[in-house]
Amino acid sequence: MATALATALVGCRPAAVDTVDAAPSPQARAEPAPLATPPSMAATATAAAARLEVGSAPEPLRGDQPVAPDTPREAVREPGARDASRDAKGEQSGYALEAVLHTGDAPPPPKGPEVNAAAIEAAKRRAEPRIAIELSPTRARLVLLDGFVVPQTTELRARVDRYGHVLLWPGEDTYRIVEAGAMRALLGERRLDVAPLSLATAVSAGDGARRLDVHTRRVEVSTRAANATLELATLRDAGDGGVLLCRWLLDLMNAPPSTPACTTDEVPLHAELRWTTLGALSFDVTALARRPDLAPQEMAVPPASRAFVASPPPVPAAELLLTRSELAAFRTAPVDVPAAEARDAQPPRPEAGLALTNSSDELRVVWVDGAPAAWLAPGGRLTLSSLVRGRYLVQWRTFLGDSWERPETVVVPGASEVGGRGGS
């Protein structure tokens, strides 16, 4: 079911607004993204919320309380502005984006004639975390595709008059609440734990790079968790959809959702979060198109068809991020390498493949030859049985790239452990 849905979403990618020839978006009627006059930094998230409910600030969502079913309507315009009412079909205008996340490059694989560099590179690209995004003037919908530790086609929805997100889990007729401050826990560990928000500063930093043939401006945001650079494009009639995408990025660095980083009609096309621990996470929009036909029921926050649950999402012990055939293709032929002497308390060596153990208290992703191969929950065990005999480079990381272990060369058949006395 999830694979079919993901395939449908991949087939619905919007066309990039670029100077090169590109095929039109198959999603529906897509138009080039029009530019607008840059807004003033004085506009804030609280002012944006007034577009829905005059005089009221956004209301924080709570993980233990349901939300009334949503009936999306377009943003209310100021007196004298053009009519923004929906057409007879109930469609809404907005933007469709496609984006990718990067957590930094891993060390290259060992050298050898049997190392299949092309297969490793193809696996890295296929496992890249991708997001399909739809933005209306008052709502946002993010569909998480390949490469995440949450299931494929997991949805996050947000609306401008609420702080936090609604989570739609694949295969369920329910929704959960992701409170402000819980996004790092959700994406990094499939949990809904709320971390304390820290004071954030947002400073305009001049012009940014030209992206997708659109000019951007740069904003620097700092918290205790990260220092970030956002590059924002001003798009006509984007409304506060881009503000909601900014809130999602701010939540990843534990910044309050009211931080005035983005303003009305601005959409982030690039963000780099440099963690204060180590490492970085980057967000890049790779395709952008105008959408005049966003379906209101697919932007509802929450949908009327879903029932509220307060329980956390399920967390299996481990899951593959690459297929068995992709892992097997990392080597063109087996190579017999003498195994290193086992260290004290090291997991037993399997007869074939690579036995993985996560003895840490965090969900960890194991990278093999520079490609994310699988993730393991705390206490999880998994064997990559299709790895061909030979020498591999293994590294353990958090999904968000804010912590990692030193890479180690492992002989397969062999074992690797994180968090244990005999592991990395």
Foldseek 3Di string as FASTA:
>chain_A
DLVVVLVVVVLQAAFFLAPDDTDHGPVDDWARFAFDDDDDLVFWLQNLLCQPPNPDGAAWDDQVDDDPWFQDFAGHDDPPDDDQGADPVQFFKAKKFKKWKDFDFDDFKDDDPFFDVVLQVVLQVQQTWMWIWTAGQFKIKIFTAHNFLAGHRWIWMDGSRYAWTWTDHPPAQAIGTQTQQQLQCCRQFLWRDHDAAFEKAKDWDAWDDQDSNFTWTWIWMDGLFWIKIWTKGQTPNNHCRQLVVVLSVCSNRRHPSRHSHDHTRIHTQKMWTATPQGTIMIMHTDRMIIGRGHRSQSNMRPHPRHHYDSDGDDDDFKDWSGDLVSQLSSTNAADADDFDDADPPFDDQDPFFEKEFEQDQTWKFKAKSRHGTMIGHHGHIDGSRSHGFDKIKIWIAGSRNSDIDDIDIGTTSYYAYPPDPRHD
